[in-house]
PDB file of N, CA and C in Angstrom:
ATOM      1  N   MET A   1     113.497  30.226  55.982  1.00  0.00           N
ATOM      2  CA  MET A   1     113.433  31.328  54.758  1.00  0.00           C
ATOM      3  C   MET A   1     112.111  32.093  55.049  1.00  0.00           C
ATOM      4  N   LYS A   2     111.241  31.478  55.399  1.00  0.00           N
ATOM      5  CA  LYS A   2     109.930  32.410  55.663  1.00  0.00           C
ATOM      6  C   LYS A   2     110.314  33.445  56.755  1.00  0.00           C
ATOM      7  N   GLY A   3     111.031  32.947  57.773  1.00  0.00           N
ATOM      8  CA  GLY A   3     111.448  33.851  58.899  1.00  0.00           C
ATOM      9  C   GLY A   3     112.452  35.083  58.356  1.00  0.00           C
ATOM     10  N   GLN A   4     113.261  34.649  57.403  1.00  0.00           N
ATOM     11  CA  GLN A   4     114.110  35.598  56.842  1.00  0.00           C
ATOM     12  C   GLN A   4     113.448  36.670  55.990  1.00  0.00           C
ATOM     13  N   LEU A   5     112.209  36.107  55.228  1.00  0.00           N
ATOM     14  CA  LEU A   5     111.609  37.054  54.505  1.00  0.00           C
ATOM     15  C   LEU A   5     110.779  37.906  55.416  1.00  0.00           C
ATOM     16  N   THR A   6     110.299  37.264  56.505  1.00  0.00           N
ATOM     17  CA  THR A   6     109.605  38.339  57.384  1.00  0.00           C
ATOM     18  C   THR A   6     110.343  39.337  58.006  1.00  0.00           C
ATOM     19  N   GLN A   7     111.574  38.715  58.493  1.00  0.00           N
ATOM     20  CA  GLN A   7     112.609  39.573  58.906  1.00  0.00           C
ATOM     21  C   GLN A   7     113.077  40.708  58.025  1.00  0.00           C
ATOM     22  N   ALA A   8     113.111  40.555  56.721  1.00  0.00           N
ATOM     23  CA  ALA A   8     113.653  41.447  55.792  1.00  0.00           C
ATOM     24  C   ALA A   8     112.478  42.340  55.503  1.00  0.00           C
ATOM     25  N   ARG A   9     111.048  41.910  55.442  1.00  0.00           N
ATOM     26  CA  ARG A   9     110.090  42.893  55.534  1.00  0.00           C
ATOM     27  C   ARG A   9     109.798  43.665  56.554  1.00  0.00           C
ATOM     28  N   ALA A  10     110.140  43.289  57.748  1.00  0.00           N
ATOM     29  CA  ALA A  10     110.293  44.209  58.884  1.00  0.00           C
ATOM     30  C   ALA A  10     111.346  45.257  58.812  1.00  0.00           C
ATOM     31  N   GLU A  11     112.629  44.793  58.265  1.00  0.00           N
ATOM     32  CA  GLU A  11     113.655  45.776  58.138  1.00  0.00           C
ATOM     33  C   GLU A  11     113.107  46.942  57.203  1.00  0.00           C
ATOM     34  N   ILE A  12     112.400  46.403  55.980  1.00  0.00           N
ATOM     35  CA  ILE A  12     112.220  47.344  55.156  1.00  0.00           C
ATOM     36  C   ILE A  12     111.159  48.221  55.487  1.00  0.00           C
ATOM     37  N   GLU A  13     110.259  47.916  56.276  1.00  0.00           N
ATOM     38  CA  GLU A  13     109.173  48.775  56.991  1.00  0.00           C
ATOM     39  C   GLU A  13     109.793  49.713  57.942  1.00  0.00           C
ATOM     40  N   THR A  14     110.972  49.236  58.640  1.00  0.00           N
ATOM     41  CA  THR A  14     111.715  49.934  59.691  1.00  0.00           C
ATOM     42  C   THR A  14     112.466  51.093  58.852  1.00  0.00           C
ATOM     43  N   ILE A  15     113.001  50.785  57.681  1.00  0.00           N
ATOM     44  CA  ILE A  15     113.807  51.676  56.874  1.00  0.00           C
ATOM     45  C   ILE A  15     112.888  52.684  56.100  1.00  0.00           C
ATOM     46  N   LYS A  16     111.652  52.230  55.866  1.00  0.00           N
ATOM     47  CA  LYS A  16     110.711  53.136  55.397  1.00  0.00           C
ATOM     48  C   LYS A  16     110.220  54.154  56.256  1.00  0.00           C
ATOM     49  N   ALA A  17     110.035  53.568  57.630  1.00  0.00           N
ATOM     50  CA  ALA A  17     109.527  54.654  58.622  1.00  0.00           C
ATOM     51  C   ALA A  17     110.723  55.449  59.015  1.00  0.00           C
ATOM     52  N   VAL A  18     111.923  55.052  58.967  1.00  0.00           N
ATOM     53  CA  VAL A  18     113.107  56.073  59.359  1.00  0.00           C
ATOM     54  C   VAL A  18     113.049  57.063  58.139  1.00  0.00           C
ATOM     55  N   ALA A  19     113.160  56.507  56.915  1.00  0.00           N
ATOM     56  CA  ALA A  19     113.179  57.405  55.779  1.00  0.00           C
ATOM     57  C   ALA A  19     112.080  58.549  55.913  1.00  0.00           C
ATOM     58  N   THR A  20     110.831  58.039  56.086  1.00  0.00           N
ATOM     59  CA  THR A  20     109.743  59.024  56.386  1.00  0.00           C
ATOM     60  C   THR A  20     109.935  59.881  57.359  1.00  0.00           C
ATOM     61  N   VAL A  21     110.426  59.427  58.581  1.00  0.00           N
ATOM     62  CA  VAL A  21     110.834  60.453  59.545  1.00  0.00           C
ATOM     63  C   VAL A  21     111.813  61.568  59.197  1.00  0.00           C
ATOM     64  N   SER A  22     112.742  60.766  58.597  1.00  0.00           N
ATOM     65  CA  SER A  22     114.048  61.677  58.007  1.00  0.00           C
ATOM     66  C   SER A  22     113.457  62.580  56.940  1.00  0.00           C
ATOM     67  N   GLU A  23     112.615  62.189  55.975  1.00  0.00           N
ATOM     68  CA  GLU A  23     111.994  63.065  55.131  1.00  0.00           C
ATOM     69  C   GLU A  23     111.234  64.264  55.864  1.00  0.00           C
ATOM     70  N   ASN A  24     110.477  63.836  56.738  1.00  0.00           N
ATOM     71  CA  ASN A  24     109.580  64.960  57.455  1.00  0.00           C
ATOM     72  C   ASN A  24     110.472  65.768  58.153  1.00  0.00           C
ATOM     73  N   THR A  25     111.600  65.369  58.871  1.00  0.00           N
ATOM     74  CA  THR A  25     112.513  66.192  59.544  1.00  0.00           C
ATOM     75  C   THR A  25     113.172  67.219  58.765  1.00  0.00           C
ATOM     76  N   LYS A  26     113.672  66.813  57.641  1.00  0.00           N
ATOM     77  CA  LYS A  26     114.337  67.314  56.387  1.00  0.00           C
ATOM     78  C   LYS A  26     113.439  68.476  55.925  1.00  0.00           C
ATOM     79  N   GLN A  27     112.164  68.221  55.747  1.00  0.00           N
ATOM     80  CA  GLN A  27     111.104  68.999  55.155  1.00  0.00           C
ATOM     81  C   GLN A  27     110.808  70.186  56.417  1.00  0.00           C
ATOM     82  N   GLU A  28     110.728  69.716  57.557  1.00  0.00           N
ATOM     83  CA  GLU A  28     110.494  70.667  58.644  1.00  0.00           C
ATOM     84  C   GLU A  28     111.758  71.663  58.705  1.00  0.00           C
ATOM     85  N   ALA A  29     112.890  71.167  58.573  1.00  0.00           N
ATOM     86  CA  ALA A  29     114.072  71.950  58.564  1.00  0.00           C
ATOM     87  C   ALA A  29     114.081  73.059  57.525  1.00  0.00           C
ATOM     88  N   ILE A  30     113.687  72.565  56.374  1.00  0.00           N
ATOM     89  CA  ILE A  30     113.683  73.246  55.126  1.00  0.00           C
ATOM     90  C   ILE A  30     112.543  74.456  55.413  1.00  0.00           C
ATOM     91  N   ASP A  31     111.290  74.055  55.817  1.00  0.00           N
ATOM     92  CA  ASP A  31     110.371  75.086  56.178  1.00  0.00           C
ATOM     93  C   ASP A  31     110.723  75.982  57.277  1.00  0.00           C
ATOM     94  N   GLN A  32     111.522  75.622  58.372  1.00  0.00           N
ATOM     95  CA  GLN A  32     112.052  76.609  59.266  1.00  0.00           C
ATOM     96  C   GLN A  32     112.879  77.443  58.625  1.00  0.00           C
ATOM     97  N   VAL A  33     113.779  76.897  57.897  1.00  0.00           N
ATOM     98  CA  VAL A  33     114.853  77.825  57.129  1.00  0.00           C
ATOM     99  C   VAL A  33     114.102  78.862  56.219  1.00  0.00           C
ATOM    100  N   ARG A  34     113.145  78.412  55.462  1.00  0.00           N
ATOM    101  CA  ARG A  34     112.296  79.261  54.754  1.00  0.00           C
ATOM    102  C   ARG A  34     111.406  80.409  55.337  1.00  0.00           C
ATOM    103  N   SER A  35     111.139  79.896  56.248  1.00  0.00           N
ATOM    104  CA  SER A  35     110.293  80.844  57.320  1.00  0.00           C
ATOM    105  C   SER A  35     111.258  81.899  57.863  1.00  0.00           C
ATOM    106  N   GLN A  36     112.433  81.407  58.511  1.00  0.00           N
ATOM    107  CA  GLN A  36     113.251  82.352  58.885  1.00  0.00           C
ATOM    108  C   GLN A  36     113.849  83.462  57.784  1.00  0.00           C
ATOM    109  N   TRP A  37     114.024  82.712  56.576  1.00  0.00           N
ATOM    110  CA  TRP A  37     114.563  83.581  55.455  1.00  0.00           C
ATOM    111  C   TRP A  37     113.291  84.641  55.072  1.00  0.00           C
ATOM    112  N   GLN A  38     112.115  84.378  55.147  1.00  0.00           N
ATOM    113  CA  GLN A  38     110.832  85.300  54.676  1.00  0.00           C
ATOM    114  C   GLN A  38     110.922  86.241  55.896  1.00  0.00           C
ATOM    115  N   GLU A  39     111.096  85.781  57.140  1.00  0.00           N
ATOM    116  CA  GLU A  39     111.067  86.934  58.313  1.00  0.00           C
ATOM    117  C   GLU A  39     112.118  87.813  58.032  1.00  0.00           C
ATOM    118  N   GLU A  40     113.402  87.491  57.735  1.00  0.00           N
ATOM    119  CA  GLU A  40     114.415  88.395  57.520  1.00  0.00           C
ATOM    120  C   GLU A  40     114.271  89.167  56.280  1.00  0.00           C
ATOM    121  N   VAL A  41     113.698  88.612  55.239  1.00  0.00           N
ATOM    122  CA  VAL A  41     113.278  89.512  54.017  1.00  0.00           C
ATOM    123  C   VAL A  41     112.280  90.601  54.227  1.00  0.00           C
ATOM    124  N   ALA A  42     111.330  90.187  55.108  1.00  0.00           N
ATOM    125  CA  ALA A  42     110.182  91.188  55.409  1.00  0.00           C
ATOM    126  C   ALA A  42     110.926  92.128  56.230  1.00  0.00           C
ATOM    127  N   SER A  43     111.810  91.723  57.341  1.00  0.00           N
ATOM    128  CA  SER A  43     112.438  92.717  58.127  1.00  0.00           C
ATOM    129  C   SER A  43     113.311  93.626  57.330  1.00  0.00           C
ATOM    130  N   LEU A  44     113.991  93.343  56.351  1.00  0.00           N
ATOM    131  CA  LEU A  44     114.922  94.174  55.592  1.00  0.00           C
ATOM    132  C   LEU A  44     114.091  95.021  54.711  1.00  0.00           C
ATOM    133  N   GLN A  45     112.891  94.533  54.268  1.00  0.00           N
ATOM    134  CA  GLN A  45     111.979  95.293  53.337  1.00  0.00           C
ATOM    135  C   GLN A  45     111.374  96.568  54.394  1.00  0.00           C
ATOM    136  N   ALA A  46     111.078  96.158  55.596  1.00  0.00           N
ATOM    137  CA  ALA A  46     110.446  97.169  56.387  1.00  0.00           C
ATOM    138  C   ALA A  46     111.763  98.237  56.690  1.00  0.00           C
ATOM    139  N   ILE A  47     112.823  97.794  56.884  1.00  0.00           N
ATOM    140  CA  ILE A  47     114.093  98.541  57.112  1.00  0.00           C
ATOM    141  C   ILE A  47     114.224  99.548  56.046  1.00  0.00           C
ATOM    142  N   MET A  48     114.192  99.092  54.779  1.00  0.00           N
ATOM    143  CA  MET A  48     114.324  99.922  53.608  1.00  0.00           C
ATOM    144  C   MET A  48     113.243 100.836  53.458  1.00  0.00           C
ATOM    145  N   LYS A  49     112.107 100.432  53.550  1.00  0.00           N
ATOM    146  CA  LYS A  49     110.745 101.269  53.479  1.00  0.00           C
ATOM    147  C   LYS A  49     111.084 102.394  54.510  1.00  0.00           C
ATOM    148  N   ASP A  50     111.379 102.160  55.678  1.00  0.00           N
ATOM    149  CA  ASP A  50     111.689 103.319  56.851  1.00  0.00           C
ATOM    150  C   ASP A  50     112.721 104.261  56.270  1.00  0.00           C
ATOM    151  N   THR A  51     113.688 103.499  55.787  1.00  0.00           N
ATOM    152  CA  THR A  51     114.886 104.427  55.290  1.00  0.00           C
ATOM    153  C   THR A  51     114.567 105.304  54.061  1.00  0.00           C
ATOM    154  N   VAL A  52     113.798 104.685  53.283  1.00  0.00           N
ATOM    155  CA  VAL A  52     113.112 105.631  52.009  1.00  0.00           C
ATOM    156  C   VAL A  52     112.399 106.716  52.423  1.00  0.00           C
ATOM    157  N   CYS A  53     111.539 106.336  53.527  1.00  0.00           N
ATOM    158  CA  CYS A  53     110.813 107.541  54.055  1.00  0.00           C
ATOM    159  C   CYS A  53     111.283 108.499  54.918  1.00  0.00           C
ATOM    160  N   GLU A  54     112.493 108.049  55.615  1.00  0.00           N
ATOM    161  CA  GLU A  54     113.069 109.092  56.222  1.00  0.00           C
ATOM    162  C   GLU A  54     113.917 109.939  55.318  1.00  0.00           C
ATOM    163  N   TYR A  55     114.482 109.312  54.083  1.00  0.00           N
ATOM    164  CA  TYR A  55     114.982 110.126  53.029  1.00  0.00           C
ATOM    165  C   TYR A  55     114.014 110.978  52.243  1.00  0.00           C
ATOM    166  N   GLU A  56     112.916 110.781  52.088  1.00  0.00           N
ATOM    167  CA  GLU A  56     112.083 111.470  51.563  1.00  0.00           C
ATOM    168  C   GLU A  56     111.690 112.688  52.306  1.00  0.00           C
ATOM    169  N   VAL A  57     111.434 112.495  53.798  1.00  0.00           N
ATOM    170  CA  VAL A  57     110.957 113.610  54.680  1.00  0.00           C
ATOM    171  C   VAL A  57     112.276 114.509  54.548  1.00  0.00           C
ATOM    172  N   GLN A  58     113.640 114.021  54.653  1.00  0.00           N
ATOM    173  CA  GLN A  58     114.865 115.007  54.757  1.00  0.00           C
ATOM    174  C   GLN A  58     114.838 115.626  53.392  1.00  0.00           C
ATOM    175  N   PHE A  59     114.582 114.947  52.137  1.00  0.00           N
ATOM    176  CA  PHE A  59     114.537 115.628  51.051  1.00  0.00           C
ATOM    177  C   PHE A  59     113.610 116.687  50.956  1.00  0.00           C
ATOM    178  N   HIS A  60     112.419 116.476  51.356  1.00  0.00           N
ATOM    179  CA  HIS A  60     111.256 117.469  51.309  1.00  0.00           C
ATOM    180  C   HIS A  60     111.623 118.715  52.225  1.00  0.00           C
ATOM    181  N   GLN A  61     112.121 118.512  53.404  1.00  0.00           N
ATOM    182  CA  GLN A  61     112.646 119.504  54.246  1.00  0.00           C
ATOM    183  C   GLN A  61     113.673 120.354  53.654  1.00  0.00           C
ATOM    184  N   ARG A  62     114.640 119.723  53.072  1.00  0.00           N
ATOM    185  CA  ARG A  62     115.887 120.327  52.259  1.00  0.00           C
ATOM    186  C   ARG A  62     115.338 121.260  51.295  1.00  0.00           C
ATOM    187  N   LEU A  63     114.416 120.601  50.526  1.00  0.00           N
ATOM    188  CA  LEU A  63     113.702 121.370  49.389  1.00  0.00           C
ATOM    189  C   LEU A  63     112.920 122.442  49.819  1.00  0.00           C
ATOM    190  N   GLU A  64     112.339 122.325  50.843  1.00  0.00           N
ATOM    191  CA  GLU A  64     111.484 123.563  51.497  1.00  0.00           C
ATOM    192  C   GLU A  64     112.558 124.720  52.064  1.00  0.00           C
ATOM    193  N   GLN A  65     113.488 124.178  52.430  1.00  0.00           N
ATOM    194  CA  GLN A  65     114.430 125.135  53.033  1.00  0.00           C
ATOM    195  C   GLN A  65     115.190 125.926  51.922  1.00  0.00           C
ATOM    196  N   GLU A  66     115.504 125.077  50.825  1.00  0.00           N
ATOM    197  CA  GLU A  66     116.114 125.933  49.720  1.00  0.00           C
ATOM    198  C   GLU A  66     115.247 126.758  48.995  1.00  0.00           C
ATOM    199  N   ARG A  67     113.852 126.272  48.969  1.00  0.00           N
ATOM    200  CA  ARG A  67     112.722 127.038  48.449  1.00  0.00           C
ATOM    201  C   ARG A  67     112.681 128.391  49.050  1.00  0.00           C
ATOM    202  N   ALA A  68     112.711 128.341  50.590  1.00  0.00           N
ATOM    203  CA  ALA A  68     112.685 129.596  51.408  1.00  0.00           C
ATOM    204  C   ALA A  68     113.928 130.581  51.106  1.00  0.00           C
ATOM    205  N   GLN A  69     115.069 129.861  50.998  1.00  0.00           N
ATOM    206  CA  GLN A  69     116.353 130.792  50.814  1.00  0.00           C
ATOM    207  C   GLN A  69     116.244 131.499  49.586  1.00  0.00           C
ATOM    208  N   TRP A  70     115.637 130.644  48.288  1.00  0.00           N
ATOM    209  CA  TRP A  70     115.486 131.285  47.213  1.00  0.00           C
ATOM    210  C   TRP A  70     114.519 132.490  47.134  1.00  0.00           C
ATOM    211  N   ASN A  71     113.508 132.136  47.880  1.00  0.00           N
ATOM    212  CA  ASN A  71     112.391 133.386  47.751  1.00  0.00           C
ATOM    213  C   ASN A  71     113.076 134.427  48.652  1.00  0.00           C
ATOM    214  N   GLN A  72     113.661 134.187  49.810  1.00  0.00           N
ATOM    215  CA  GLN A  72     114.407 135.417  50.418  1.00  0.00           C
ATOM    216  C   GLN A  72     115.077 136.147  49.452  1.00  0.00           C
ATOM    217  N   TYR A  73     116.026 135.373  48.663  1.00  0.00           N
ATOM    218  CA  TYR A  73     116.973 135.957  47.761  1.00  0.00           C
ATOM    219  C   TYR A  73     116.192 136.812  46.558  1.00  0.00           C
ATOM    220  N   ARG A  74     115.208 136.251  46.139  1.00  0.00           N
ATOM    221  CA  ARG A  74     114.257 136.740  45.054  1.00  0.00           C
ATOM    222  C   ARG A  74     113.619 138.068  45.687  1.00  0.00           C
ATOM    223  N   GLU A  75     113.060 137.995  46.808  1.00  0.00           N
ATOM    224  CA  GLU A  75     112.460 139.183  47.485  1.00  0.00           C
ATOM    225  C   GLU A  75     113.427 140.354  47.677  1.00  0.00           C
ATOM    226  N   ALA A  76     114.828 139.866  48.161  1.00  0.00           N
ATOM    227  CA  ALA A  76     115.842 141.035  48.271  1.00  0.00           C
ATOM    228  C   ALA A  76     116.210 141.495  46.912  1.00  0.00           C
ATOM    229  N   MET A  77     116.368 140.651  45.765  1.00  0.00           N
ATOM    230  CA  MET A  77     116.596 141.337  44.639  1.00  0.00           C
ATOM    231  C   MET A  77     115.481 142.062  43.949  1.00  0.00           C
ATOM    232  N   GLU A  78     114.198 141.651  44.123  1.00  0.00           N
ATOM    233  CA  GLU A  78     113.162 142.585  43.743  1.00  0.00           C
ATOM    234  C   GLU A  78     113.103 143.922  44.386  1.00  0.00           C
ATOM    235  N   ARG A  79     113.460 143.885  45.762  1.00  0.00           N
ATOM    236  CA  ARG A  79     113.556 145.303  46.549  1.00  0.00           C
ATOM    237  C   ARG A  79     114.571 146.124  45.856  1.00  0.00           C
ATOM    238  N   GLU A  80     115.668 145.477  45.606  1.00  0.00           N
ATOM    239  CA  GLU A  80     116.909 146.205  45.079  1.00  0.00           C
ATOM    240  C   GLU A  80     116.550 146.681  43.828  1.00  0.00           C
ATOM    241  N   LEU A  81     115.894 145.830  42.963  1.00  0.00           N
ATOM    242  CA  LEU A  81     115.407 146.383  41.769  1.00  0.00           C
ATOM    243  C   LEU A  81     114.511 147.512  41.701  1.00  0.00           C
ATOM    244  N   GLY A  82     113.562 147.339  42.548  1.00  0.00           N
ATOM    245  CA  GLY A  82     112.612 148.511  42.618  1.00  0.00           C
ATOM    246  C   GLY A  82     113.297 149.781  43.306  1.00  0.00           C
ATOM    247  N   ASP A  83     114.351 149.495  44.180  1.00  0.00           N
ATOM    248  CA  ASP A  83     114.931 150.648  44.682  1.00  0.00           C
ATOM    249  C   ASP A  83     115.813 151.226  43.507  1.00  0.00           C
ATOM    250  N   LEU A  84     116.451 150.496  42.674  1.00  0.00           N
ATOM    251  CA  LEU A  84     117.148 150.990  41.712  1.00  0.00           C
ATOM    252  C   LEU A  84     116.378 151.778  40.532  1.00  0.00           C
ATOM    253  N   ARG A  85     115.095 151.357  40.358  1.00  0.00           N
ATOM    254  CA  ARG A  85     114.171 152.010  39.466  1.00  0.00           C
ATOM    255  C   ARG A  85     113.751 153.298  39.950  1.00  0.00           C
ATOM    256  N   ARG A  86     113.444 153.257  41.415  1.00  0.00           N
ATOM    257  CA  ARG A  86     113.102 154.481  41.942  1.00  0.00           C
ATOM    258  C   ARG A  86     114.265 155.462  41.760  1.00  0.00           C
ATOM    259  N   ARG A  87     115.393 155.079  42.063  1.00  0.00           N
ATOM    260  CA  ARG A  87     116.611 156.169  41.935  1.00  0.00           C
ATOM    261  C   ARG A  87     116.857 156.567  40.596  1.00  0.00           C
ATOM    262  N   LEU A  88     116.647 155.697  39.737  1.00  0.00           N
ATOM    263  CA  LEU A  88     116.822 155.998  38.237  1.00  0.00           C
ATOM    264  C   LEU A  88     115.718 156.856  37.849  1.00  0.00           C
ATOM    265  N   THR A  89     114.261 156.838  38.324  1.00  0.00           N
ATOM    266  CA  THR A  89     113.302 157.848  38.014  1.00  0.00           C
ATOM    267  C   THR A  89     113.633 159.063  38.908  1.00  0.00           C
ATOM    268  N   GLU A  90     114.092 159.069  40.063  1.00  0.00           N
ATOM    269  CA  GLU A  90     114.337 160.410  40.548  1.00  0.00           C
ATOM    270  C   GLU A  90     115.526 160.967  39.840  1.00  0.00           C
ATOM    271  N   GLY A  91     116.429 160.119  39.619  1.00  0.00           N
ATOM    272  CA  GLY A  91     117.610 160.784  38.879  1.00  0.00           C
ATOM    273  C   GLY A  91     117.052 161.235  37.534  1.00  0.00           C
ATOM    274  N   GLN A  92     116.342 160.721  36.848  1.00  0.00           N
ATOM    275  CA  GLN A  92     115.810 161.429  35.448  1.00  0.00           C
ATOM    276  C   GLN A  92     114.937 162.711  35.883  1.00  0.00           C
ATOM    277  N   GLU A  93     114.062 162.413  36.777  1.00  0.00           N
ATOM    278  CA  GLU A  93     113.473 163.764  37.229  1.00  0.00           C
ATOM    279  C   GLU A  93     114.298 164.966  37.685  1.00  0.00           C
ATOM    280  N   LYS A  94     115.495 164.752  38.296  1.00  0.00           N
ATOM    281  CA  LYS A  94     116.245 165.653  38.743  1.00  0.00           C
ATOM    282  C   LYS A  94     116.820 166.295  37.638  1.00  0.00           C
ATOM    283  N   GLU A  95     117.377 165.310  36.673  1.00  0.00           N
ATOM    284  CA  GLU A  95     118.120 165.839  35.344  1.00  0.00           C
ATOM    285  C   GLU A  95     117.106 166.665  34.601  1.00  0.00           C
ATOM    286  N   ASN A  96     115.769 166.320  34.511  1.00  0.00           N
ATOM    287  CA  ASN A  96     114.978 167.108  33.696  1.00  0.00           C
ATOM    288  C   ASN A  96     114.687 168.255  34.366  1.00  0.00           C
ATOM    289  N   LEU A  97     114.761 168.294  35.745  1.00  0.00           N
ATOM    290  CA  LEU A  97     114.523 169.606  36.425  1.00  0.00           C
ATOM    291  C   LEU A  97     115.719 170.514  36.109  1.00  0.00           C
ATOM    292  N   GLU A  98     116.838 169.824  36.033  1.00  0.00           N
ATOM    293  CA  GLU A  98     118.070 170.560  35.901  1.00  0.00           C
ATOM    294  C   GLU A  98     118.243 171.227  34.586  1.00  0.00           C
ATOM    295  N   ASP A  99     117.553 170.330  33.422  1.00  0.00           N
ATOM    296  CA  ASP A  99     117.579 170.713  32.071  1.00  0.00           C
ATOM    297  C   ASP A  99     116.663 171.894  31.990  1.00  0.00           C
ATOM    298  N   GLU A 100     115.434 171.864  32.622  1.00  0.00           N
ATOM    299  CA  GLU A 100     114.401 172.910  32.744  1.00  0.00           C
ATOM    300  C   GLU A 100     115.078 174.212  33.183  1.00  0.00           C
ATOM    301  N   MET A 101     115.780 174.013  34.143  1.00  0.00           N
ATOM    302  CA  MET A 101     116.304 175.160  34.865  1.00  0.00           C
ATOM    303  C   MET A 101     117.403 175.855  33.814  1.00  0.00           C
ATOM    304  N   LYS A 102     118.217 174.973  33.175  1.00  0.00           N
ATOM    305  CA  LYS A 102     119.085 175.695  32.291  1.00  0.00           C
ATOM    306  C   LYS A 102     118.505 176.244  31.178  1.00  0.00           C
ATOM    307  N   LYS A 103     117.273 175.683  30.585  1.00  0.00           N
ATOM    308  CA  LYS A 103     116.630 176.343  29.650  1.00  0.00           C
ATOM    309  C   LYS A 103     115.894 177.755  30.098  1.00  0.00           C
ATOM    310  N   VAL A 104     115.404 177.699  31.244  1.00  0.00           N
ATOM    311  CA  VAL A 104     114.877 178.994  31.700  1.00  0.00           C
ATOM    312  C   VAL A 104     116.062 179.992  31.895  1.00  0.00           C
ATOM    313  N   GLU A 105     116.997 179.551  32.430  1.00  0.00           N
ATOM    314  CA  GLU A 105     118.247 180.399  32.604  1.00  0.00           C
ATOM    315  C   GLU A 105     118.684 180.841  31.340  1.00  0.00           C
ATOM    316  N   MET A 106     118.612 180.136  30.151  1.00  0.00           N
ATOM    317  CA  MET A 106     119.149 180.592  28.835  1.00  0.00           C
ATOM    318  C   MET A 106     118.145 181.493  28.365  1.00  0.00           C
ATOM    319  N   ASN A 107     116.943 181.155  28.560  1.00  0.00           N
ATOM    320  CA  ASN A 107     115.829 182.005  28.088  1.00  0.00           C
ATOM    321  C   ASN A 107     116.094 183.304  28.782  1.00  0.00           C
ATOM    322  N   PHE A 108     116.224 183.362  29.944  1.00  0.00           N
ATOM    323  CA  PHE A 108     116.296 184.585  30.743  1.00  0.00           C
ATOM    324  C   PHE A 108     117.543 185.672  30.268  1.00  0.00           C
ATOM    325  N   ASN A 109     118.703 184.766  29.975  1.00  0.00           N
ATOM    326  CA  ASN A 109     119.753 185.375  29.596  1.00  0.00           C
ATOM    327  C   ASN A 109     119.492 186.057  28.000  1.00  0.00           C
ATOM    328  N   LEU A 110     118.690 185.304  27.289  1.00  0.00           N
ATOM    329  CA  LEU A 110     118.399 185.956  25.923  1.00  0.00           C
ATOM    330  C   LEU A 110     117.616 187.074  26.103  1.00  0.00           C
ATOM    331  N   LEU A 111     116.690 186.987  27.051  1.00  0.00           N
ATOM    332  CA  LEU A 111     115.829 188.116  27.233  1.00  0.00           C
ATOM    333  C   LEU A 111     116.600 189.413  27.755  1.00  0.00           C
ATOM    334  N   THR A 112     117.571 189.056  28.480  1.00  0.00           N
ATOM    335  CA  THR A 112     118.213 190.282  29.169  1.00  0.00           C
ATOM    336  C   THR A 112     119.295 190.873  28.347  1.00  0.00           C
ATOM    337  N   ILE A 113     119.254 190.028  27.258  1.00  0.00           N
ATOM    338  CA  ILE A 113     120.608 190.617  26.238  1.00  0.00           C
ATOM    339  C   ILE A 113     120.187 191.981  25.486  1.00  0.00           C
TER     340      ILE A 113
END
């Protein structure tokens, strides 16, 4: 009976050792999976950050391009407006000159009657 007890204790110790090794192996596997997962998450975060940076650069380039186009359009409209104002002023001056000439002609005609 003592021999069986010793043998049973030895088996229990063996089972405990196997369980410890198994637990350690399981924990190592979990740690390895966790480590791999963290690396993948870090990789995805880096990719996302790079992508966001690329989109920001593209957005700012597009914004600057559109701003330049609008500035060109605005400048063209300002030139056209200036030209129209100049032509209007010239037209009014011409009209005023024509009116003055008509008045002079009328006065002349009145004087010659």
